[in-house]
PDB file of N, CA and C in Angstrom:
ATOM      1  N   MET A   1      82.539  42.327   8.154  1.00  0.00           N
ATOM      2  CA  MET A   1      82.103  42.623   6.723  1.00  0.00           C
ATOM      3  C   MET A   1      80.610  42.910   6.655  1.00  0.00           C
ATOM      4  N   LYS A   2      79.998  43.724   6.028  1.00  0.00           N
ATOM      5  CA  LYS A   2      78.591  43.778   5.847  1.00  0.00           C
ATOM      6  C   LYS A   2      78.219  43.150   4.526  1.00  0.00           C
ATOM      7  N   SER A   3      76.944  42.503   4.319  1.00  0.00           N
ATOM      8  CA  SER A   3      76.765  41.493   3.224  1.00  0.00           C
ATOM      9  C   SER A   3      76.950  41.989   1.849  1.00  0.00           C
ATOM     10  N   ASN A   4      76.648  43.324   1.603  1.00  0.00           N
ATOM     11  CA  ASN A   4      76.421  43.758   0.345  1.00  0.00           C
ATOM     12  C   ASN A   4      77.222  45.173   0.154  1.00  0.00           C
ATOM     13  N   LEU A   5      77.742  45.517  -0.865  1.00  0.00           N
ATOM     14  CA  LEU A   5      78.342  46.765  -1.372  1.00  0.00           C
ATOM     15  C   LEU A   5      77.436  47.933  -1.158  1.00  0.00           C
ATOM     16  N   MET A   6      76.152  47.787  -1.320  1.00  0.00           N
ATOM     17  CA  MET A   6      75.344  48.703  -1.058  1.00  0.00           C
ATOM     18  C   MET A   6      75.011  49.119   0.433  1.00  0.00           C
ATOM     19  N   ASN A   7      75.432  48.294   1.433  1.00  0.00           N
ATOM     20  CA  ASN A   7      75.396  48.598   2.576  1.00  0.00           C
ATOM     21  C   ASN A   7      76.464  49.432   3.398  1.00  0.00           C
ATOM     22  N   TYR A   8      77.367  49.663   2.524  1.00  0.00           N
ATOM     23  CA  TYR A   8      78.459  50.665   2.776  1.00  0.00           C
ATOM     24  C   TYR A   8      78.334  52.080   2.245  1.00  0.00           C
ATOM     25  N   THR A   9      78.578  53.048   2.944  1.00  0.00           N
ATOM     26  CA  THR A   9      78.724  54.464   2.250  1.00  0.00           C
ATOM     27  C   THR A   9      80.128  54.576   1.672  1.00  0.00           C
ATOM     28  N   GLU A  10      80.343  55.305   0.491  1.00  0.00           N
ATOM     29  CA  GLU A  10      81.577  55.331  -0.136  1.00  0.00           C
ATOM     30  C   GLU A  10      82.675  55.528   0.756  1.00  0.00           C
ATOM     31  N   SER A  11      82.622  56.488   1.957  1.00  0.00           N
ATOM     32  CA  SER A  11      83.711  56.745   2.862  1.00  0.00           C
ATOM     33  C   SER A  11      83.897  55.594   3.798  1.00  0.00           C
ATOM     34  N   GLU A  12      82.911  54.705   3.965  1.00  0.00           N
ATOM     35  CA  GLU A  12      83.309  53.432   4.717  1.00  0.00           C
ATOM     36  C   GLU A  12      83.886  52.437   4.032  1.00  0.00           C
ATOM     37  N   PHE A  13      83.688  52.291   2.699  1.00  0.00           N
ATOM     38  CA  PHE A  13      84.251  51.181   1.784  1.00  0.00           C
ATOM     39  C   PHE A  13      85.921  51.766   1.256  1.00  0.00           C
ATOM     40  N   LEU A  14      85.925  53.174   1.368  1.00  0.00           N
ATOM     41  CA  LEU A  14      87.252  53.821   0.995  1.00  0.00           C
ATOM     42  C   LEU A  14      88.048  53.427   2.277  1.00  0.00           C
ATOM     43  N   GLN A  15      87.688  53.538   3.430  1.00  0.00           N
ATOM     44  CA  GLN A  15      88.536  53.348   4.662  1.00  0.00           C
ATOM     45  C   GLN A  15      89.015  51.844   4.658  1.00  0.00           C
ATOM     46  N   LEU A  16      88.157  50.925   4.300  1.00  0.00           N
ATOM     47  CA  LEU A  16      88.431  49.326   4.252  1.00  0.00           C
ATOM     48  C   LEU A  16      89.571  49.331   3.317  1.00  0.00           C
ATOM     49  N   ILE A  17      89.560  49.858   2.233  1.00  0.00           N
ATOM     50  CA  ILE A  17      90.277  49.637   1.140  1.00  0.00           C
ATOM     51  C   ILE A  17      91.532  50.344   1.592  1.00  0.00           C
ATOM     52  N   GLN A  18      91.541  51.511   2.042  1.00  0.00           N
ATOM     53  CA  GLN A  18      92.804  52.484   2.579  1.00  0.00           C
ATOM     54  C   GLN A  18      93.474  51.461   3.830  1.00  0.00           C
ATOM     55  N   ASN A  19      92.990  50.953   4.374  1.00  0.00           N
ATOM     56  CA  ASN A  19      93.467  50.163   5.554  1.00  0.00           C
ATOM     57  C   ASN A  19      94.200  48.891   5.046  1.00  0.00           C
ATOM     58  N   THR A  20      93.608  48.204   4.010  1.00  0.00           N
ATOM     59  CA  THR A  20      94.103  47.151   3.450  1.00  0.00           C
ATOM     60  C   THR A  20      95.431  47.743   2.601  1.00  0.00           C
ATOM     61  N   HIS A  21      95.389  48.712   1.965  1.00  0.00           N
ATOM     62  CA  HIS A  21      96.320  49.220   0.867  1.00  0.00           C
ATOM     63  C   HIS A  21      97.630  49.830   1.840  1.00  0.00           C
ATOM     64  N   ASN A  22      97.356  50.376   2.930  1.00  0.00           N
ATOM     65  CA  ASN A  22      98.342  50.884   3.690  1.00  0.00           C
ATOM     66  C   ASN A  22      99.114  49.941   4.851  1.00  0.00           C
ATOM     67  N   GLY A  23      98.443  48.722   4.647  1.00  0.00           N
ATOM     68  CA  GLY A  23      98.858  47.434   5.599  1.00  0.00           C
ATOM     69  C   GLY A  23      98.566  47.819   7.038  1.00  0.00           C
ATOM     70  N   VAL A  24      97.333  48.226   7.404  1.00  0.00           N
ATOM     71  CA  VAL A  24      96.877  48.306   8.721  1.00  0.00           C
ATOM     72  C   VAL A  24      95.853  47.173   8.880  1.00  0.00           C
ATOM     73  N   ALA A  25      95.364  46.748   7.899  1.00  0.00           N
ATOM     74  CA  ALA A  25      94.296  45.620   7.967  1.00  0.00           C
ATOM     75  C   ALA A  25      94.965  44.280   8.488  1.00  0.00           C
ATOM     76  N   THR A  26      94.365  43.310   9.061  1.00  0.00           N
ATOM     77  CA  THR A  26      94.677  42.067   9.581  1.00  0.00           C
ATOM     78  C   THR A  26      94.713  41.394   8.284  1.00  0.00           C
ATOM     79  N   ASP A  27      95.437  40.139   8.386  1.00  0.00           N
ATOM     80  CA  ASP A  27      95.189  39.371   7.328  1.00  0.00           C
ATOM     81  C   ASP A  27      93.695  38.604   7.074  1.00  0.00           C
ATOM     82  N   GLN A  28      93.155  38.464   8.098  1.00  0.00           N
ATOM     83  CA  GLN A  28      91.541  38.164   8.159  1.00  0.00           C
ATOM     84  C   GLN A  28      90.990  39.183   7.558  1.00  0.00           C
ATOM     85  N   GLU A  29      91.067  40.422   7.571  1.00  0.00           N
ATOM     86  CA  GLU A  29      90.371  41.451   7.187  1.00  0.00           C
ATOM     87  C   GLU A  29      90.582  41.618   5.607  1.00  0.00           C
ATOM     88  N   VAL A  30      92.019  41.523   5.343  1.00  0.00           N
ATOM     89  CA  VAL A  30      92.090  41.508   3.984  1.00  0.00           C
ATOM     90  C   VAL A  30      91.473  40.095   3.189  1.00  0.00           C
ATOM     91  N   GLU A  31      91.535  38.892   3.800  1.00  0.00           N
ATOM     92  CA  GLU A  31      91.001  37.755   3.134  1.00  0.00           C
ATOM     93  C   GLU A  31      89.417  37.969   3.041  1.00  0.00           C
ATOM     94  N   GLU A  32      88.840  38.556   3.986  1.00  0.00           N
ATOM     95  CA  GLU A  32      87.441  38.937   3.986  1.00  0.00           C
ATOM     96  C   GLU A  32      86.978  40.029   2.934  1.00  0.00           C
ATOM     97  N   LEU A  33      87.990  40.968   2.643  1.00  0.00           N
ATOM     98  CA  LEU A  33      87.576  41.821   1.675  1.00  0.00           C
ATOM     99  C   LEU A  33      87.967  41.261   0.277  1.00  0.00           C
ATOM    100  N   VAL A  34      88.839  40.447   0.153  1.00  0.00           N
ATOM    101  CA  VAL A  34      88.973  39.656  -1.158  1.00  0.00           C
ATOM    102  C   VAL A  34      87.759  38.862  -1.525  1.00  0.00           C
ATOM    103  N   SER A  35      87.462  38.075  -0.555  1.00  0.00           N
ATOM    104  CA  SER A  35      86.253  37.229  -0.714  1.00  0.00           C
ATOM    105  C   SER A  35      84.943  38.078  -1.169  1.00  0.00           C
ATOM    106  N   PHE A  36      84.927  39.009  -0.450  1.00  0.00           N
ATOM    107  CA  PHE A  36      83.705  39.996  -0.559  1.00  0.00           C
ATOM    108  C   PHE A  36      83.723  40.573  -1.897  1.00  0.00           C
ATOM    109  N   LEU A  37      84.794  41.140  -2.402  1.00  0.00           N
ATOM    110  CA  LEU A  37      84.807  41.653  -3.600  1.00  0.00           C
ATOM    111  C   LEU A  37      84.643  40.639  -4.813  1.00  0.00           C
ATOM    112  N   ASP A  38      85.020  39.362  -4.500  1.00  0.00           N
ATOM    113  CA  ASP A  38      84.500  38.099  -5.388  1.00  0.00           C
ATOM    114  C   ASP A  38      83.050  38.043  -5.606  1.00  0.00           C
ATOM    115  N   THR A  39      82.367  38.841  -4.716  1.00  0.00           N
ATOM    116  CA  THR A  39      80.888  38.470  -4.486  1.00  0.00           C
ATOM    117  C   THR A  39      79.919  39.310  -5.115  1.00  0.00           C
ATOM    118  N   THR A  40      80.778  40.486  -5.407  1.00  0.00           N
ATOM    119  CA  THR A  40      80.000  41.845  -5.965  1.00  0.00           C
ATOM    120  C   THR A  40      79.696  41.625  -7.343  1.00  0.00           C
ATOM    121  N   GLU A  41      78.919  42.474  -8.033  1.00  0.00           N
ATOM    122  CA  GLU A  41      78.431  42.573  -9.221  1.00  0.00           C
ATOM    123  C   GLU A  41      79.720  42.665 -10.126  1.00  0.00           C
ATOM    124  N   TYR A  42      80.578  43.470  -9.665  1.00  0.00           N
ATOM    125  CA  TYR A  42      81.836  43.989 -10.676  1.00  0.00           C
ATOM    126  C   TYR A  42      82.477  42.840 -11.468  1.00  0.00           C
ATOM    127  N   PRO A  43      82.589  42.804 -12.686  1.00  0.00           N
ATOM    128  CA  PRO A  43      82.982  41.660 -13.261  1.00  0.00           C
ATOM    129  C   PRO A  43      84.499  41.284 -12.853  1.00  0.00           C
ATOM    130  N   GLU A  44      85.244  42.118 -12.571  1.00  0.00           N
ATOM    131  CA  GLU A  44      86.712  41.602 -12.167  1.00  0.00           C
ATOM    132  C   GLU A  44      87.005  41.263 -10.851  1.00  0.00           C
ATOM    133  N   GLY A  45      85.913  41.388 -10.013  1.00  0.00           N
ATOM    134  CA  GLY A  45      85.943  40.852  -8.723  1.00  0.00           C
ATOM    135  C   GLY A  45      87.079  41.342  -7.915  1.00  0.00           C
ATOM    136  N   SER A  46      87.667  40.464  -7.103  1.00  0.00           N
ATOM    137  CA  SER A  46      88.973  40.995  -6.270  1.00  0.00           C
ATOM    138  C   SER A  46      90.191  41.287  -6.933  1.00  0.00           C
ATOM    139  N   ALA A  47      90.341  41.156  -8.253  1.00  0.00           N
ATOM    140  CA  ALA A  47      91.521  41.864  -8.995  1.00  0.00           C
ATOM    141  C   ALA A  47      91.425  43.209  -8.800  1.00  0.00           C
ATOM    142  N   LEU A  48      90.346  43.907  -8.716  1.00  0.00           N
ATOM    143  CA  LEU A  48      90.294  45.219  -8.240  1.00  0.00           C
ATOM    144  C   LEU A  48      91.441  45.648  -7.312  1.00  0.00           C
ATOM    145  N   LEU A  49      91.307  44.726  -6.110  1.00  0.00           N
ATOM    146  CA  LEU A  49      92.171  45.089  -5.139  1.00  0.00           C
ATOM    147  C   LEU A  49      93.610  44.496  -5.138  1.00  0.00           C
ATOM    148  N   THR A  50      93.472  43.345  -5.877  1.00  0.00           N
ATOM    149  CA  THR A  50      95.016  42.528  -5.639  1.00  0.00           C
ATOM    150  C   THR A  50      95.515  42.756  -7.020  1.00  0.00           C
ATOM    151  N   HIS A  51      95.155  43.233  -8.085  1.00  0.00           N
ATOM    152  CA  HIS A  51      95.794  43.301  -9.472  1.00  0.00           C
ATOM    153  C   HIS A  51      95.285  44.665  -9.987  1.00  0.00           C
ATOM    154  N   PRO A  52      95.084  45.749  -9.546  1.00  0.00           N
ATOM    155  CA  PRO A  52      94.490  46.972 -10.198  1.00  0.00           C
ATOM    156  C   PRO A  52      95.039  47.195 -11.540  1.00  0.00           C
ATOM    157  N   LYS A  53      96.421  47.138 -11.578  1.00  0.00           N
ATOM    158  CA  LYS A  53      96.759  47.580 -13.125  1.00  0.00           C
ATOM    159  C   LYS A  53      96.137  46.661 -14.169  1.00  0.00           C
ATOM    160  N   MET A  54      96.210  45.523 -13.869  1.00  0.00           N
ATOM    161  CA  MET A  54      95.430  44.529 -14.848  1.00  0.00           C
ATOM    162  C   MET A  54      94.007  44.799 -15.157  1.00  0.00           C
ATOM    163  N   VAL A  55      93.415  45.650 -14.107  1.00  0.00           N
ATOM    164  CA  VAL A  55      92.078  45.980 -14.356  1.00  0.00           C
ATOM    165  C   VAL A  55      91.950  47.357 -15.139  1.00  0.00           C
ATOM    166  N   GLY A  56      93.324  48.120 -15.286  1.00  0.00           N
ATOM    167  CA  GLY A  56      93.419  49.240 -15.963  1.00  0.00           C
ATOM    168  C   GLY A  56      93.273  50.408 -15.223  1.00  0.00           C
ATOM    169  N   ILE A  57      93.304  50.430 -13.883  1.00  0.00           N
ATOM    170  CA  ILE A  57      93.482  51.439 -13.090  1.00  0.00           C
ATOM    171  C   ILE A  57      94.765  51.729 -12.271  1.00  0.00           C
ATOM    172  N   GLU A  58      94.975  53.030 -11.636  1.00  0.00           N
ATOM    173  CA  GLU A  58      95.997  52.991 -10.822  1.00  0.00           C
ATOM    174  C   GLU A  58      95.724  52.061  -9.498  1.00  0.00           C
ATOM    175  N   ASP A  59      96.997  51.951  -8.679  1.00  0.00           N
ATOM    176  CA  ASP A  59      96.968  51.091  -7.445  1.00  0.00           C
ATOM    177  C   ASP A  59      96.740  52.213  -6.307  1.00  0.00           C
ATOM    178  N   THR A  60      95.572  52.577  -6.356  1.00  0.00           N
ATOM    179  CA  THR A  60      95.402  53.443  -5.100  1.00  0.00           C
ATOM    180  C   THR A  60      93.789  53.235  -4.797  1.00  0.00           C
ATOM    181  N   PRO A  61      93.585  53.455  -3.401  1.00  0.00           N
ATOM    182  CA  PRO A  61      92.181  53.082  -2.941  1.00  0.00           C
ATOM    183  C   PRO A  61      91.252  54.112  -3.735  1.00  0.00           C
ATOM    184  N   GLU A  62      91.413  55.196  -3.921  1.00  0.00           N
ATOM    185  CA  GLU A  62      90.729  56.091  -4.746  1.00  0.00           C
ATOM    186  C   GLU A  62      90.279  55.883  -6.103  1.00  0.00           C
ATOM    187  N   ALA A  63      91.403  55.199  -6.737  1.00  0.00           N
ATOM    188  CA  ALA A  63      91.204  54.743  -8.068  1.00  0.00           C
ATOM    189  C   ALA A  63      90.286  53.365  -8.042  1.00  0.00           C
ATOM    190  N   MET A  64      90.464  52.666  -7.184  1.00  0.00           N
ATOM    191  CA  MET A  64      89.590  51.510  -6.955  1.00  0.00           C
ATOM    192  C   MET A  64      87.885  51.948  -6.633  1.00  0.00           C
ATOM    193  N   ILE A  65      87.722  52.898  -5.609  1.00  0.00           N
ATOM    194  CA  ILE A  65      86.393  53.379  -5.318  1.00  0.00           C
ATOM    195  C   ILE A  65      85.729  54.089  -6.767  1.00  0.00           C
ATOM    196  N   ALA A  66      86.655  54.772  -7.515  1.00  0.00           N
ATOM    197  CA  ALA A  66      86.234  55.433  -8.726  1.00  0.00           C
ATOM    198  C   ALA A  66      85.976  54.512  -9.845  1.00  0.00           C
ATOM    199  N   GLU A  67      86.469  53.439 -10.012  1.00  0.00           N
ATOM    200  CA  GLU A  67      86.145  52.100 -10.893  1.00  0.00           C
ATOM    201  C   GLU A  67      85.121  51.522 -10.648  1.00  0.00           C
ATOM    202  N   LEU A  68      84.930  51.328  -9.267  1.00  0.00           N
ATOM    203  CA  LEU A  68      83.396  50.686  -8.754  1.00  0.00           C
ATOM    204  C   LEU A  68      82.336  51.516  -9.159  1.00  0.00           C
ATOM    205  N   LYS A  69      82.517  52.985  -8.766  1.00  0.00           N
ATOM    206  CA  LYS A  69      81.433  53.670  -9.025  1.00  0.00           C
ATOM    207  C   LYS A  69      81.115  53.853 -10.630  1.00  0.00           C
ATOM    208  N   ARG A  70      82.172  53.816 -11.526  1.00  0.00           N
ATOM    209  CA  ARG A  70      81.965  53.989 -12.951  1.00  0.00           C
ATOM    210  C   ARG A  70      81.394  52.690 -13.415  1.00  0.00           C
ATOM    211  N   TRP A  71      81.747  51.569 -12.943  1.00  0.00           N
ATOM    212  CA  TRP A  71      81.043  50.385 -13.449  1.00  0.00           C
ATOM    213  C   TRP A  71      79.601  50.267 -13.097  1.00  0.00           C
ATOM    214  N   TYR A  72      79.501  50.499 -12.021  1.00  0.00           N
ATOM    215  CA  TYR A  72      77.935  50.483 -11.554  1.00  0.00           C
ATOM    216  C   TYR A  72      77.040  51.485 -11.820  1.00  0.00           C
ATOM    217  N   THR A  73      77.524  52.820 -12.262  1.00  0.00           N
ATOM    218  CA  THR A  73      76.742  53.794 -12.851  1.00  0.00           C
ATOM    219  C   THR A  73      76.555  53.473 -14.389  1.00  0.00           C
ATOM    220  N   GLU A  74      77.467  52.946 -15.100  1.00  0.00           N
ATOM    221  CA  GLU A  74      77.393  52.318 -16.541  1.00  0.00           C
ATOM    222  C   GLU A  74      76.225  51.324 -16.527  1.00  0.00           C
ATOM    223  N   ASN A  75      76.136  50.531 -15.433  1.00  0.00           N
ATOM    224  CA  ASN A  75      75.168  49.562 -15.543  1.00  0.00           C
ATOM    225  C   ASN A  75      73.784  49.907 -14.557  1.00  0.00           C
ATOM    226  N   GLY A  76      73.568  51.237 -14.493  1.00  0.00           N
ATOM    227  CA  GLY A  76      72.357  51.656 -13.912  1.00  0.00           C
ATOM    228  C   GLY A  76      72.124  51.321 -12.440  1.00  0.00           C
ATOM    229  N   GLN A  77      73.002  51.159 -11.781  1.00  0.00           N
ATOM    230  CA  GLN A  77      73.037  50.853 -10.444  1.00  0.00           C
ATOM    231  C   GLN A  77      73.791  51.911  -9.599  1.00  0.00           C
ATOM    232  N   PRO A  78      73.348  51.909  -8.298  1.00  0.00           N
ATOM    233  CA  PRO A  78      74.059  52.672  -7.529  1.00  0.00           C
ATOM    234  C   PRO A  78      74.956  51.705  -6.882  1.00  0.00           C
ATOM    235  N   CYS A  79      76.154  51.982  -6.457  1.00  0.00           N
ATOM    236  CA  CYS A  79      77.267  51.442  -5.962  1.00  0.00           C
ATOM    237  C   CYS A  79      77.404  51.518  -4.272  1.00  0.00           C
ATOM    238  N   PHE A  80      76.978  52.559  -3.888  1.00  0.00           N
ATOM    239  CA  PHE A  80      77.381  52.727  -2.141  1.00  0.00           C
ATOM    240  C   PHE A  80      75.858  53.253  -1.891  1.00  0.00           C
ATOM    241  N   LYS A  81      75.543  53.040  -0.679  1.00  0.00           N
ATOM    242  CA  LYS A  81      74.128  53.356  -0.145  1.00  0.00           C
ATOM    243  C   LYS A  81      74.019  55.072  -0.259  1.00  0.00           C
ATOM    244  N   ASP A  82      75.079  55.693  -0.253  1.00  0.00           N
ATOM    245  CA  ASP A  82      74.912  57.146  -0.142  1.00  0.00           C
ATOM    246  C   ASP A  82      75.220  57.797  -1.775  1.00  0.00           C
ATOM    247  N   GLN A  83      74.986  57.011  -2.631  1.00  0.00           N
ATOM    248  CA  GLN A  83      75.363  57.410  -4.080  1.00  0.00           C
ATOM    249  C   GLN A  83      73.962  57.358  -4.843  1.00  0.00           C
ATOM    250  N   GLN A  84      73.838  58.452  -5.498  1.00  0.00           N
ATOM    251  CA  GLN A  84      72.395  58.447  -6.470  1.00  0.00           C
ATOM    252  C   GLN A  84      72.884  58.292  -7.768  1.00  0.00           C
ATOM    253  N   ILE A  85      72.304  57.466  -8.678  1.00  0.00           N
ATOM    254  CA  ILE A  85      72.459  57.514 -10.093  1.00  0.00           C
ATOM    255  C   ILE A  85      71.577  58.443 -10.931  1.00  0.00           C
TER     256      ILE A  85
END
């Protein structure tokens, strides 16, 4: 895992979430992603991945990415290294 969400492009992070969502990721990769999300500024942390409906979004990788981008944009910050605000 990279050390910061801003170190990922949107497509790289989407691929990580898709691998987890589709059951392709190893248990260790899933644990790392959950821990990583807990360290982001996003207030719901890993609930985005583990309980997306509780966060108010669909249980799809694309909805998770859209929610991260929405929150970071509302807070005046880029989410991914290829995103401009």
